[in-house]
């Protein structure tokens, strides 16, 4: 990855989800977020994630900052020994 490359970051949390575009220096260039309403079910949350990801990706391309890679963070309880994420 070159020094002028960009990363699309997804931070999926229990109360909010953020989609960001950042550079290699760790600076956030653009951010979009929404409330994570788990009670609506996986499909509804995933659909929102796709919509907001597309909004950030569109912004990035419009600004000439297309991401080279994606980073995903999903918080919540996990079992490291079993390799299971419960959320």
Protein backbone atom coordinates (compact mmCIF):
# COMPACT_ATOMS: atom_id res chain seq x y z
CA UNK A 1 0.00 0.00 0.00
CA UNK A 2 1.41 3.41 -0.92
CA UNK A 3 1.53 6.39 1.43
CA UNK A 4 -1.38 8.02 -0.43
CA UNK A 5 -3.64 4.98 -0.18
CA UNK A 6 -6.92 4.96 1.71
CA UNK A 7 -8.70 2.49 3.96
CA UNK A 8 -12.44 1.94 4.26
CA UNK A 9 -13.18 1.21 7.91
CA UNK A 10 -16.31 -0.44 9.30
CA UNK A 11 -16.86 -0.27 13.08
CA UNK A 12 -19.93 -2.34 13.90
CA UNK A 13 -21.06 -1.84 17.47
CA UNK A 14 -24.02 -2.71 19.62
CA UNK A 15 -25.39 0.85 19.70
CA UNK A 16 -23.85 2.52 16.66
CA UNK A 17 -22.04 1.61 13.48
CA UNK A 18 -19.53 3.87 11.76
CA UNK A 19 -18.20 3.75 8.22
CA UNK A 20 -15.07 5.84 7.67
CA UNK A 21 -12.50 6.58 5.03
CA UNK A 22 -9.03 7.10 6.46
CA UNK A 23 -5.49 7.53 5.27
CA UNK A 24 -2.34 5.63 6.26
CA UNK A 25 -1.48 8.33 8.81
CA UNK A 26 -4.67 7.50 10.71
CA UNK A 27 -6.55 10.64 9.72
CA UNK A 28 -10.27 10.23 9.07
CA UNK A 29 -11.17 11.88 5.76
CA UNK A 30 -14.89 11.16 5.85
CA UNK A 31 -17.26 9.55 8.35
CA UNK A 32 -20.85 8.32 8.29
CA UNK A 33 -22.65 6.53 11.09
CA UNK A 34 -26.01 5.14 12.09
CA UNK A 35 -27.66 3.62 15.12
CA UNK A 36 -27.35 -0.16 15.24
CA UNK A 37 -30.81 -1.49 16.05
CA UNK A 38 -30.16 -5.20 16.52
CA UNK A 39 -33.82 -5.85 17.32
CA UNK A 40 -34.60 -5.23 13.64
CA UNK A 41 -32.56 -8.28 12.72
CA UNK A 42 -29.44 -9.05 10.73
CA UNK A 43 -30.88 -8.27 7.30
CA UNK A 44 -32.04 -4.78 8.31
CA UNK A 45 -28.74 -3.88 9.96
CA UNK A 46 -26.75 -5.34 7.05
CA UNK A 47 -28.84 -3.34 4.58
CA UNK A 48 -28.09 -0.14 6.51
CA UNK A 49 -24.41 -1.05 6.58
CA UNK A 50 -24.41 -1.49 2.80
CA UNK A 51 -26.18 1.84 2.22
CA UNK A 52 -23.79 3.80 4.45
CA UNK A 53 -20.75 1.99 3.03
CA UNK A 54 -21.87 2.91 -0.48
CA UNK A 55 -22.30 6.56 0.58
CA UNK A 56 -18.73 6.72 1.89
CA UNK A 57 -17.36 4.85 -1.13
CA UNK A 58 -19.17 7.24 -3.48
CA UNK A 59 -17.75 10.24 -1.61
CA UNK A 60 -14.26 8.71 -1.75
CA UNK A 61 -14.40 8.11 -5.49
CA UNK A 62 -15.81 11.59 -6.12
CA UNK A 63 -12.87 13.08 -4.18
CA UNK A 64 -10.31 10.83 -5.92
CA UNK A 65 -9.67 8.84 -2.75
CA UNK A 66 -10.81 5.32 -3.58
CA UNK A 67 -9.93 2.85 -0.80
CA UNK A 68 -7.33 0.16 -1.40
CA UNK A 69 -8.44 -2.07 1.46
CA UNK A 70 -11.13 -2.59 4.09
CA UNK A 71 -10.78 -2.94 7.86
CA UNK A 72 -13.65 -4.30 9.96
CA UNK A 73 -14.09 -4.05 13.72
CA UNK A 74 -16.93 -5.87 15.49
CA UNK A 75 -17.08 -5.31 19.22
CA UNK A 76 -18.65 -7.68 21.68
CA UNK A 77 -18.09 -10.79 23.72
CA UNK A 78 -15.95 -13.53 22.25
CA UNK A 79 -14.38 -16.85 23.11
CA UNK A 80 -10.75 -16.67 21.98
CA UNK A 81 -10.07 -20.34 22.67
CA UNK A 82 -13.05 -21.49 20.58
CA UNK A 83 -12.70 -18.72 17.99
CA UNK A 84 -16.31 -17.62 18.44
CA UNK A 85 -17.68 -14.06 18.24
CA UNK A 86 -21.05 -13.93 20.02
CA UNK A 87 -22.33 -10.61 18.73
